[in-house]
C-alpha atoms as a PDB file:
ATOM      1  CA  MET A   1      -2.296  -8.183 -22.277  1.00  0.00           C
ATOM      2  CA  VAL A   2       0.878  -7.222 -20.417  1.00  0.00           C
ATOM      3  CA  THR A   3       1.538  -4.352 -22.808  1.00  0.00           C
ATOM      4  CA  ALA A   4      -2.038  -3.121 -22.442  1.00  0.00           C
ATOM      5  CA  GLN A   5      -1.540  -2.889 -18.668  1.00  0.00           C
ATOM      6  CA  ALA A   6       1.729  -0.929 -18.879  1.00  0.00           C
ATOM      7  CA  ALA A   7       0.317   2.561 -18.299  1.00  0.00           C
ATOM      8  CA  ARG A   8      -1.868   1.422 -15.403  1.00  0.00           C
ATOM      9  CA  SER A   9       1.067  -0.472 -13.869  1.00  0.00           C
ATOM     10  CA  ALA A  10       3.290   2.607 -14.066  1.00  0.00           C
ATOM     11  CA  TYR A  11       0.605   4.687 -12.377  1.00  0.00           C
ATOM     12  CA  HIS A  12       0.206   2.170  -9.555  1.00  0.00           C
ATOM     13  CA  ALA A  13       3.991   1.899  -9.152  1.00  0.00           C
ATOM     14  CA  ALA A  14       4.114   5.665  -8.583  1.00  0.00           C
ATOM     15  CA  LEU A  15       1.286   5.454  -6.036  1.00  0.00           C
ATOM     16  CA  ILE A  16       3.043   2.639  -4.165  1.00  0.00           C
ATOM     17  CA  ARG A  17       6.211   4.708  -4.002  1.00  0.00           C
ATOM     18  CA  ASP A  18       4.390   7.797  -2.749  1.00  0.00           C
ATOM     19  CA  VAL A  19       2.332   5.953  -0.140  1.00  0.00           C
ATOM     20  CA  TYR A  20       4.814   3.430   1.257  1.00  0.00           C
ATOM     21  CA  GLU A  21       8.215   5.099   0.872  1.00  0.00           C
ATOM     22  CA  PRO A  22       8.006   6.754   4.339  1.00  0.00           C
ATOM     23  CA  TYR A  23       7.706   3.286   5.893  1.00  0.00           C
ATOM     24  CA  VAL A  24      10.701   1.615   4.239  1.00  0.00           C
ATOM     25  CA  SER A  25      13.099   2.512   7.067  1.00  0.00           C
ATOM     26  CA  PRO A  26      10.923   1.384  10.012  1.00  0.00           C
ATOM     27  CA  LEU A  27       9.348  -1.674   8.349  1.00  0.00           C
ATOM     28  CA  ALA A  28      11.877  -3.193   5.926  1.00  0.00           C
ATOM     29  CA  LEU A  29      13.342  -6.545   6.978  1.00  0.00           C
ATOM     30  CA  ASP A  30      17.129  -6.329   6.731  1.00  0.00           C
ATOM     31  CA  GLY A  31      18.027 -10.001   6.905  1.00  0.00           C
ATOM     32  CA  PHE A  32      16.698 -13.515   7.430  1.00  0.00           C
ATOM     33  CA  ASN A  33      16.823 -13.124  11.214  1.00  0.00           C
ATOM     34  CA  ASP A  34      14.244 -10.331  10.908  1.00  0.00           C
ATOM     35  CA  ILE A  35      11.886 -12.721   9.135  1.00  0.00           C
ATOM     36  CA  GLU A  36      12.371 -15.332  11.852  1.00  0.00           C
ATOM     37  CA  GLU A  37      11.790 -12.752  14.564  1.00  0.00           C
ATOM     38  CA  GLY A  38       8.654 -11.513  12.797  1.00  0.00           C
ATOM     39  CA  LEU A  39       7.262 -15.030  12.682  1.00  0.00           C
ATOM     40  CA  VAL A  40       7.881 -15.457  16.407  1.00  0.00           C
ATOM     41  CA  THR A  41       6.429 -12.107  17.462  1.00  0.00           C
ATOM     42  CA  GLY A  42       3.462 -12.066  15.078  1.00  0.00           C
ATOM     43  CA  GLY A  43       4.706  -9.260  12.861  1.00  0.00           C
ATOM     44  CA  LEU A  44       4.665 -11.843  10.081  1.00  0.00           C
ATOM     45  CA  VAL A  45       2.273 -14.761   9.701  1.00  0.00           C
ATOM     46  CA  ARG A  46       2.406 -17.933   7.649  1.00  0.00           C
ATOM     47  CA  LEU A  47       0.007 -18.841   4.889  1.00  0.00           C
ATOM     48  CA  PRO A  48      -2.818 -20.999   6.321  1.00  0.00           C
ATOM     49  CA  VAL A  49      -2.242 -24.737   6.307  1.00  0.00           C
ATOM     50  CA  ASP A  50      -3.561 -26.509   3.182  1.00  0.00           C
ATOM     51  CA  PRO A  51      -3.782 -23.403   0.984  1.00  0.00           C
ATOM     52  CA  GLN A  52      -5.691 -25.345  -1.676  1.00  0.00           C
ATOM     53  CA  ARG A  53      -8.753 -25.003   0.558  1.00  0.00           C
ATOM     54  CA  PHE A  54      -8.566 -21.301  -0.205  1.00  0.00           C
ATOM     55  CA  ASN A  55      -8.065 -21.668  -3.961  1.00  0.00           C
ATOM     56  CA  LEU A  56      -4.308 -21.107  -3.621  1.00  0.00           C
ATOM     57  CA  ARG A  57      -1.327 -22.972  -4.989  1.00  0.00           C
ATOM     58  CA  VAL A  58       2.168 -22.134  -3.706  1.00  0.00           C
ATOM     59  CA  ARG A  59       5.084 -22.578  -6.103  1.00  0.00           C
ATOM     60  CA  LEU A  60       7.650 -24.481  -4.062  1.00  0.00           C
ATOM     61  CA  ASP A  61       9.692 -25.938  -6.944  1.00  0.00           C
ATOM     62  CA  GLY A  62      10.251 -25.537 -10.659  1.00  0.00           C
ATOM     63  CA  THR A  63      11.028 -22.137 -12.191  1.00  0.00           C
ATOM     64  CA  ASN A  64      11.299 -19.164  -9.808  1.00  0.00           C
ATOM     65  CA  PRO A  65       9.795 -20.797  -6.694  1.00  0.00           C
ATOM     66  CA  ILE A  66       9.238 -18.952  -3.425  1.00  0.00           C
ATOM     67  CA  GLY A  67      12.550 -18.506  -1.614  1.00  0.00           C
ATOM     68  CA  GLU A  68      14.555 -19.603  -4.657  1.00  0.00           C
ATOM     69  CA  LYS A  69      17.698 -17.891  -3.308  1.00  0.00           C
ATOM     70  CA  ASP A  70      17.389 -19.666   0.051  1.00  0.00           C
ATOM     71  CA  ILE A  71      15.666 -22.976  -0.671  1.00  0.00           C
ATOM     72  CA  ALA A  72      16.967 -24.629   2.500  1.00  0.00           C
ATOM     73  CA  ARG A  73      14.835 -22.206   4.538  1.00  0.00           C
ATOM     74  CA  GLN A  74      12.010 -21.891   2.037  1.00  0.00           C
ATOM     75  CA  ALA A  75       9.231 -22.456   4.573  1.00  0.00           C
ATOM     76  CA  SER A  76       9.983 -19.137   6.276  1.00  0.00           C
ATOM     77  CA  TYR A  77       9.352 -17.258   3.041  1.00  0.00           C
ATOM     78  CA  VAL A  78       5.793 -18.614   2.722  1.00  0.00           C
ATOM     79  CA  ALA A  79       4.656 -15.765   4.954  1.00  0.00           C
ATOM     80  CA  ALA A  80       3.893 -12.032   4.999  1.00  0.00           C
ATOM     81  CA  ARG A  81       2.160  -9.471   7.186  1.00  0.00           C
ATOM     82  CA  ALA A  82      -1.334 -10.504   8.283  1.00  0.00           C
ATOM     83  CA  ALA A  83      -3.010  -7.881   6.091  1.00  0.00           C
ATOM     84  CA  THR A  84      -1.095  -9.138   3.046  1.00  0.00           C
ATOM     85  CA  ILE A  85      -2.194 -12.727   3.617  1.00  0.00           C
ATOM     86  CA  GLY A  86      -5.762 -11.516   4.158  1.00  0.00           C
ATOM     87  CA  CYS A  87      -5.625  -9.621   0.876  1.00  0.00           C
ATOM     88  CA  LEU A  88      -4.313 -12.715  -0.922  1.00  0.00           C
ATOM     89  CA  LEU A  89      -7.157 -14.798   0.508  1.00  0.00           C
ATOM     90  CA  ASP A  90      -9.650 -12.182  -0.683  1.00  0.00           C
ATOM     91  CA  VAL A  91      -8.250 -12.229  -4.224  1.00  0.00           C
ATOM     92  CA  ALA A  92      -8.260 -16.036  -4.354  1.00  0.00           C
ATOM     93  CA  SER A  93     -11.875 -16.208  -3.132  1.00  0.00           C
ATOM     94  CA  ARG A  94     -13.028 -14.097  -6.080  1.00  0.00           C
ATOM     95  CA  VAL A  95     -11.406 -16.249  -8.804  1.00  0.00           C
ATOM     96  CA  LYS A  96     -13.749 -19.071  -9.781  1.00  0.00           C
ATOM     97  CA  SER A  97     -12.093 -20.725 -12.808  1.00  0.00           C
ATOM     98  CA  GLY A  98      -9.172 -22.288 -10.951  1.00  0.00           C
ATOM     99  CA  PRO A  99      -6.550 -21.821  -8.227  1.00  0.00           C
ATOM    100  CA  ILE A 100      -4.130 -18.906  -8.311  1.00  0.00           C
ATOM    101  CA  GLU A 101      -0.431 -19.670  -8.009  1.00  0.00           C
ATOM    102  CA  VAL A 102       1.689 -17.593  -5.609  1.00  0.00           C
ATOM    103  CA  THR A 103       5.369 -17.220  -6.508  1.00  0.00           C
ATOM    104  CA  SER A 104       6.564 -14.693  -3.940  1.00  0.00           C
ATOM    105  CA  LEU A 105       5.608 -13.369  -0.508  1.00  0.00           C
ATOM    106  CA  VAL A 106       7.982 -11.900   2.088  1.00  0.00           C
ATOM    107  CA  ARG A 107      11.685 -11.326   1.406  1.00  0.00           C
ATOM    108  CA  HIS A 108      14.437  -9.449   3.231  1.00  0.00           C
ATOM    109  CA  LEU A 109      16.698  -6.728   1.857  1.00  0.00           C
ATOM    110  CA  GLU A 110      19.763  -8.977   1.560  1.00  0.00           C
ATOM    111  CA  TYR A 111      17.651 -11.432  -0.452  1.00  0.00           C
ATOM    112  CA  GLN A 112      16.335  -8.559  -2.553  1.00  0.00           C
ATOM    113  CA  GLN A 113      19.899  -7.502  -3.363  1.00  0.00           C
ATOM    114  CA  GLN A 114      20.747 -11.010  -4.580  1.00  0.00           C
ATOM    115  CA  LEU A 115      17.601 -11.121  -6.671  1.00  0.00           C
ATOM    116  CA  ARG A 116      18.511  -7.881  -8.443  1.00  0.00           C
ATOM    117  CA  MET A 117      21.304  -9.745 -10.230  1.00  0.00           C
ATOM    118  CA  THR A 118      18.786 -11.768 -12.233  1.00  0.00           C
ATOM    119  CA  ASN A 119      15.475  -9.889 -11.894  1.00  0.00           C
ATOM    120  CA  ALA A 120      15.288  -6.210 -12.849  1.00  0.00           C
ATOM    121  CA  ASN A 121      11.884  -5.947 -11.156  1.00  0.00           C
ATOM    122  CA  ALA A 122      13.638  -6.366  -7.789  1.00  0.00           C
ATOM    123  CA  ALA A 123      15.418  -3.020  -8.253  1.00  0.00           C
ATOM    124  CA  THR A 124      12.973  -0.631  -6.613  1.00  0.00           C
ATOM    125  CA  ASP A 125      13.063   2.267  -4.162  1.00  0.00           C
ATOM    126  CA  VAL A 126      10.180   0.752  -2.206  1.00  0.00           C
ATOM    127  CA  PRO A 127      10.802  -3.018  -1.788  1.00  0.00           C
ATOM    128  CA  THR A 128       7.269  -4.015  -0.859  1.00  0.00           C
ATOM    129  CA  HIS A 129       8.215  -7.690  -0.519  1.00  0.00           C
ATOM    130  CA  ALA A 130      10.824  -6.696   2.085  1.00  0.00           C
ATOM    131  CA  LEU A 131       8.094  -4.749   3.875  1.00  0.00           C
ATOM    132  CA  GLY A 132       5.986  -7.915   3.949  1.00  0.00           C
ATOM    133  CA  LEU A 133       3.316  -6.056   2.002  1.00  0.00           C
ATOM    134  CA  ALA A 134       3.254  -7.764  -1.395  1.00  0.00           C
ATOM    135  CA  PHE A 135       2.554 -11.031  -3.151  1.00  0.00           C
ATOM    136  CA  ASP A 136       3.049 -12.189  -6.740  1.00  0.00           C
ATOM    137  CA  ILE A 137       0.499 -14.221  -8.705  1.00  0.00           C
ATOM    138  CA  ALA A 138       1.860 -16.233 -11.631  1.00  0.00           C
ATOM    139  CA  MET A 139       0.607 -16.020 -15.204  1.00  0.00           C
ATOM    140  CA  VAL A 140       2.916 -18.749 -16.525  1.00  0.00           C
ATOM    141  CA  ASN A 141       1.511 -22.295 -16.092  1.00  0.00           C
ATOM    142  CA  THR A 142      -1.929 -20.834 -15.418  1.00  0.00           C
ATOM    143  CA  PRO A 143      -4.681 -21.460 -18.031  1.00  0.00           C
ATOM    144  CA  LEU A 144      -5.423 -18.353 -20.075  1.00  0.00           C
ATOM    145  CA  PRO A 145      -9.108 -18.134 -18.992  1.00  0.00           C
ATOM    146  CA  THR A 146      -7.942 -18.077 -15.362  1.00  0.00           C
ATOM    147  CA  VAL A 147      -5.275 -15.465 -16.102  1.00  0.00           C
ATOM    148  CA  LEU A 148      -7.911 -13.251 -17.710  1.00  0.00           C
ATOM    149  CA  GLU A 149     -10.249 -13.748 -14.762  1.00  0.00           C
ATOM    150  CA  ILE A 150      -7.452 -12.873 -12.311  1.00  0.00           C
ATOM    151  CA  ARG A 151      -6.765  -9.732 -14.343  1.00  0.00           C
ATOM    152  CA  ASP A 152     -10.433  -8.735 -14.191  1.00  0.00           C
ATOM    153  CA  VAL A 153     -10.688  -9.457 -10.448  1.00  0.00           C
ATOM    154  CA  LEU A 154      -7.600  -7.376  -9.731  1.00  0.00           C
ATOM    155  CA  ARG A 155      -8.906  -4.556 -11.921  1.00  0.00           C
ATOM    156  CA  ARG A 156     -12.206  -4.443 -10.008  1.00  0.00           C
ATOM    157  CA  MET A 157     -10.435  -4.524  -6.663  1.00  0.00           C
ATOM    158  CA  SER A 158      -8.033  -1.752  -7.643  1.00  0.00           C
ATOM    159  CA  ASP A 159     -10.928   0.348  -8.945  1.00  0.00           C
ATOM    160  CA  ALA A 160     -12.616  -0.164  -5.559  1.00  0.00           C
ATOM    161  CA  GLY A 161      -9.530   1.184  -3.782  1.00  0.00           C
ATOM    162  CA  ASP A 162      -8.554  -2.168  -2.249  1.00  0.00           C
ATOM    163  CA  ILE A 163      -5.186  -2.846  -3.897  1.00  0.00           C
ATOM    164  CA  PHE A 164      -2.384  -1.621  -6.133  1.00  0.00           C
ATOM    165  CA  VAL A 165      -1.413  -3.883  -9.044  1.00  0.00           C
ATOM    166  CA  ILE A 166       1.703  -3.954 -11.222  1.00  0.00           C
ATOM    167  CA  VAL A 167       1.918  -6.382 -14.141  1.00  0.00           C
ATOM    168  CA  GLU A 168       5.580  -7.399 -14.290  1.00  0.00           C
ATOM    169  CA  ARG A 169       6.777  -8.223 -17.801  1.00  0.00           C
ATOM    170  CA  GLN A 170       9.997 -10.077 -17.051  1.00  0.00           C
ATOM    171  CA  GLN A 171       8.568 -12.547 -14.538  1.00  0.00           C
ATOM    172  CA  LEU A 172       5.017 -12.505 -15.957  1.00  0.00           C
ATOM    173  CA  VAL A 173       3.315 -12.059 -12.615  1.00  0.00           C
ATOM    174  CA  PHE A 174       0.712  -9.792 -11.064  1.00  0.00           C
ATOM    175  CA  HIS A 175       2.475  -7.917  -8.257  1.00  0.00           C
ATOM    176  CA  VAL A 176      -0.202  -7.005  -5.699  1.00  0.00           C
ATOM    177  CA  VAL A 177       0.059  -4.611  -2.738  1.00  0.00           C
ATOM    178  CA  PRO A 178      -2.886  -3.824  -0.422  1.00  0.00           C
ATOM    179  CA  GLN A 179      -3.965  -0.197  -0.154  1.00  0.00           C
ATOM    180  CA  PRO A 180      -2.999   1.300   3.226  1.00  0.00           C
ATOM    181  CA  SER A 181      -6.647   2.215   3.872  1.00  0.00           C
ATOM    182  CA  ARG A 182      -7.517  -1.507   3.671  1.00  0.00           C
ATOM    183  CA  LEU A 183      -4.792  -2.919   5.920  1.00  0.00           C
ATOM    184  CA  GLY A 184      -7.085  -3.068   8.955  1.00  0.00           C
ATOM    185  CA  TRP A 185      -9.807  -4.841   7.023  1.00  0.00           C
ATOM    186  CA  TYR A 186      -7.437  -7.400   5.528  1.00  0.00           C
ATOM    187  CA  SER A 187      -5.929  -8.125   8.947  1.00  0.00           C
ATOM    188  CA  GLU A 188      -9.461  -8.992  10.083  1.00  0.00           C
ATOM    189  CA  VAL A 189      -9.869 -11.258   7.047  1.00  0.00           C
ATOM    190  CA  TYR A 190      -6.759 -13.170   8.080  1.00  0.00           C
ATOM    191  CA  ALA A 191      -7.830 -13.380  11.743  1.00  0.00           C
ATOM    192  CA  ASN A 192     -11.277 -14.693  10.802  1.00  0.00           C
ATOM    193  CA  THR A 193      -9.740 -17.249   8.461  1.00  0.00           C
ATOM    194  CA  VAL A 194      -7.443 -18.594  11.177  1.00  0.00           C
ATOM    195  CA  ALA A 195     -10.410 -18.751  13.563  1.00  0.00           C
ATOM    196  CA  GLY A 196     -12.477 -20.634  10.996  1.00  0.00           C
ATOM    197  CA  GLN A 197     -14.973 -17.797  10.767  1.00  0.00           C
ATOM    198  CA  PRO A 198     -16.513 -16.382   7.574  1.00  0.00           C
ATOM    199  CA  TRP A 199     -15.284 -12.927   6.653  1.00  0.00           C
ATOM    200  CA  GLY A 200     -17.587 -11.975   3.775  1.00  0.00           C
ATOM    201  CA  ARG A 201     -17.051  -8.622   2.087  1.00  0.00           C
ATOM    202  CA  ARG A 202     -16.475  -5.113   3.302  1.00  0.00           C
ATOM    203  CA  ALA A 203     -19.687  -3.257   4.085  1.00  0.00           C
ATOM    204  CA  ASP A 204     -18.371  -0.119   2.366  1.00  0.00           C
ATOM    205  CA  GLU A 205     -18.217  -0.762  -1.396  1.00  0.00           C
ATOM    206  CA  ARG A 206     -18.418   2.863  -2.493  1.00  0.00           C
ATOM    207  CA  GLY A 207     -15.091   2.715  -4.293  1.00  0.00           C
ATOM    208  CA  SER A 208     -11.752   4.385  -3.867  1.00  0.00           C
ATOM    209  CA  LEU A 209     -11.469   6.657  -0.857  1.00  0.00           C
ATOM    210  CA  THR A 210     -11.182  10.395  -1.431  1.00  0.00           C
ATOM    211  CA  PRO A 211      -8.541  12.136   0.705  1.00  0.00           C
ATOM    212  CA  VAL A 212      -9.951  14.810   3.011  1.00  0.00           C
ATOM    213  CA  VAL A 213      -7.775  17.446   4.648  1.00  0.00           C
ATOM    214  CA  THR A 214      -8.754  18.592   8.124  1.00  0.00           C
ATOM    215  CA  THR A 215      -6.754  21.227   9.965  1.00  0.00           C
ATOM    216  CA  ALA A 216      -6.960  23.756  12.757  1.00  0.00           C
ATOM    217  CA  ILE A 217      -5.271  27.154  12.742  1.00  0.00           C
ATOM    218  CA  ALA A 218      -2.961  27.555  15.714  1.00  0.00           C
ATOM    219  CA  SER A 219      -1.800  31.097  14.918  1.00  0.00           C
ATOM    220  CA  LEU A 220      -2.279  33.779  12.282  1.00  0.00           C
ATOM    221  CA  ARG A 221       0.360  36.152  11.055  1.00  0.00           C
ATOM    222  CA  PRO A 222       0.187  38.638   8.160  1.00  0.00           C
ATOM    223  CA  LEU A 223       2.295  38.128   5.049  1.00  0.00           C
ATOM    224  CA  PRO A 224       5.522  40.173   5.229  1.00  0.00           C
ATOM    225  CA  ALA A 225       4.345  42.595   2.540  1.00  0.00           C
ATOM    226  CA  TRP A 226       1.286  43.494   4.642  1.00  0.00           C
ATOM    227  CA  ALA A 227       2.738  43.254   8.127  1.00  0.00           C
ATOM    228  CA  ALA A 228       3.085  46.999   8.759  1.00  0.00           C
ATOM    229  CA  GLU A 229      -0.474  47.724   7.592  1.00  0.00           C
ATOM    230  CA  TRP A 230      -1.821  44.867   9.685  1.00  0.00           C
ATOM    231  CA  TRP A 231      -0.209  45.949  12.933  1.00  0.00           C
ATOM    232  CA  ALA A 232      -1.044  49.608  12.271  1.00  0.00           C
ATOM    233  CA  ALA A 233      -4.709  48.668  11.971  1.00  0.00           C
ATOM    234  CA  ASP A 234      -4.621  47.632  15.645  1.00  0.00           C
ATOM    235  CA  ASN A 235      -7.077  44.766  15.153  1.00  0.00           C
ATOM    236  CA  ALA A 236      -9.507  46.844  13.140  1.00  0.00           C
ATOM    237  CA  PRO A 237     -11.300  44.956  10.344  1.00  0.00           C
ATOM    238  CA  VAL A 238      -9.062  44.806   7.268  1.00  0.00           C
ATOM    239  CA  ASP A 239      -8.924  42.703   4.116  1.00  0.00           C
ATOM    240  CA  LEU A 240      -5.457  41.276   3.498  1.00  0.00           C
ATOM    241  CA  ALA A 241      -4.166  38.312   1.508  1.00  0.00           C
ATOM    242  CA  MET A 242      -3.344  35.309   3.678  1.00  0.00           C
ATOM    243  CA  ALA A 243      -1.266  32.165   3.077  1.00  0.00           C
ATOM    244  CA  VAL A 244      -1.894  28.981   5.047  1.00  0.00           C
ATOM    245  CA  HIS A 245       0.943  26.441   5.182  1.00  0.00           C
ATOM    246  CA  GLY A 246       0.941  22.871   6.448  1.00  0.00           C
ATOM    247  CA  ASP A 247       4.602  22.936   7.498  1.00  0.00           C
ATOM    248  CA  ASP A 248       3.812  22.507  11.163  1.00  0.00           C
ATOM    249  CA  LEU A 249       2.025  19.260  10.321  1.00  0.00           C
ATOM    250  CA  ALA A 250       5.323  17.628   9.342  1.00  0.00           C
ATOM    251  CA  ASP A 251       5.712  15.918  12.714  1.00  0.00           C
ATOM    252  CA  SER A 252       2.305  14.299  12.300  1.00  0.00           C
ATOM    253  CA  ALA A 253       3.286  13.097   8.851  1.00  0.00           C
ATOM    254  CA  ARG A 254       6.466  11.537  10.215  1.00  0.00           C
ATOM    255  CA  ARG A 255       4.355   9.682  12.764  1.00  0.00           C
ATOM    256  CA  GLY A 256       2.576   7.961   9.894  1.00  0.00           C
ATOM    257  CA  LEU A 257      -0.468  10.142   9.330  1.00  0.00           C
ATOM    258  CA  MET A 258      -1.524  10.774   5.735  1.00  0.00           C
ATOM    259  CA  THR A 259      -1.090  14.551   5.701  1.00  0.00           C
ATOM    260  CA  ARG A 260      -1.325  16.534   2.485  1.00  0.00           C
ATOM    261  CA  TYR A 261       0.628  19.781   2.372  1.00  0.00           C
ATOM    262  CA  PHE A 262      -1.097  22.736   0.848  1.00  0.00           C
ATOM    263  CA  THR A 263      -0.924  26.472   0.359  1.00  0.00           C
ATOM    264  CA  PHE A 264      -4.021  28.661   0.168  1.00  0.00           C
ATOM    265  CA  ILE A 265      -3.717  32.216  -1.110  1.00  0.00           C
ATOM    266  CA  GLY A 266      -6.420  34.866  -1.299  1.00  0.00           C
ATOM    267  CA  GLY A 267      -8.444  34.400   1.874  1.00  0.00           C
ATOM    268  CA  PHE A 268      -9.305  37.443   3.954  1.00  0.00           C
ATOM    269  CA  LEU A 269      -8.751  38.302   7.600  1.00  0.00           C
ATOM    270  CA  SER A 270     -11.142  40.304   9.715  1.00  0.00           C
ATOM    271  CA  ALA A 271     -11.300  41.402  13.335  1.00  0.00           C
ATOM    272  CA  THR A 272     -13.595  38.455  14.107  1.00  0.00           C
ATOM    273  CA  TRP A 273     -10.952  35.973  12.911  1.00  0.00           C
ATOM    274  CA  GLN A 274     -13.713  33.643  11.713  1.00  0.00           C
ATOM    275  CA  LYS A 275     -14.011  32.243   8.239  1.00  0.00           C
ATOM    276  CA  THR A 276     -15.194  29.051   6.579  1.00  0.00           C
ATOM    277  CA  TRP A 277     -12.481  28.154   4.100  1.00  0.00           C
ATOM    278  CA  PRO A 278     -13.388  26.400   0.815  1.00  0.00           C
ATOM    279  CA  TRP A 279     -10.816  23.615   1.037  1.00  0.00           C
ATOM    280  CA  ALA A 280     -13.109  20.666   0.239  1.00  0.00           C
END
C-alpha cells in the first residue's frame, strides 16, 4: 500500500513545498519557548481533553511517542495550530472502524534537527510540524481494516481539496497537512468543538478549488521593439504586440496573497485602451 501511494505522496510533497515555503520564516517555531508562548497566546492550542471522545488515541509511550526527544515536557507537544487540530478532528470523525492514533503534532526547529539524526523524513525544506500545521497518523499497531479506511478517508479529503497527504515509509504514518484554503474552516471546527457545538460538514463540497487570477492594469507601455512606432502614432489606433507581467504584484505575494505570475503575449492595443483579455 505504501509503495502504491509513492507517486501521489511525491506530488503532495511538492505542493506543500510550493504553498507553505513562503511562510517558514514568519511561522516556524525556533525553540521550545516558542511553543510555550504559542500556547499562552493562542497561536497554538492543545488537543481537546479526553481525545477518545473524538475517536482519537494519542501515542504517549512505546515506540516513537509524541515528544520522544523531550519526554519530560511531552504535554506541550500534544498541540498544534487551531486549524490543524480542527482538521485532525474532521479526519477522526470520518473513520468508523476504530480510533486513529496520533504520533506527532507540533515540534520546534531545534527538535526537528535532533530528529533528523534518526528519521530521514524530518529532513525537509518546509518543516510543517514546526509550523504547527501537520499531524501524523500511525499505521503500525492499527488494525489493517482501519488503516485501509483511513487511507480511503484521506484520499477522499485530498480529492476534495481539504488536505495534503504524504505516506511516510520509514515511520509508517500518514503525514497530513490542511490545505491553506481550508484553514479558516478548520479553525471554526476547532472552536465549535471547544464550545461543545456541532460543526457538521462544509457547505461547499464541489471539490478542489481552481485558482483564479484577477488583476488590474496600472500602466501600459509598448514593447521596446515597437516603442518608436507607438509614440509616432500619437495615440492613433494601432495593433502592436503587448506583454503583461505580474512583477509589480510581488509585494502582494510577500504579504501572503496567492498570486500567480504570468506573461501574456499577442494582445492588441488600440486608442480606446479597452480589451477583455482571455485569461480564464
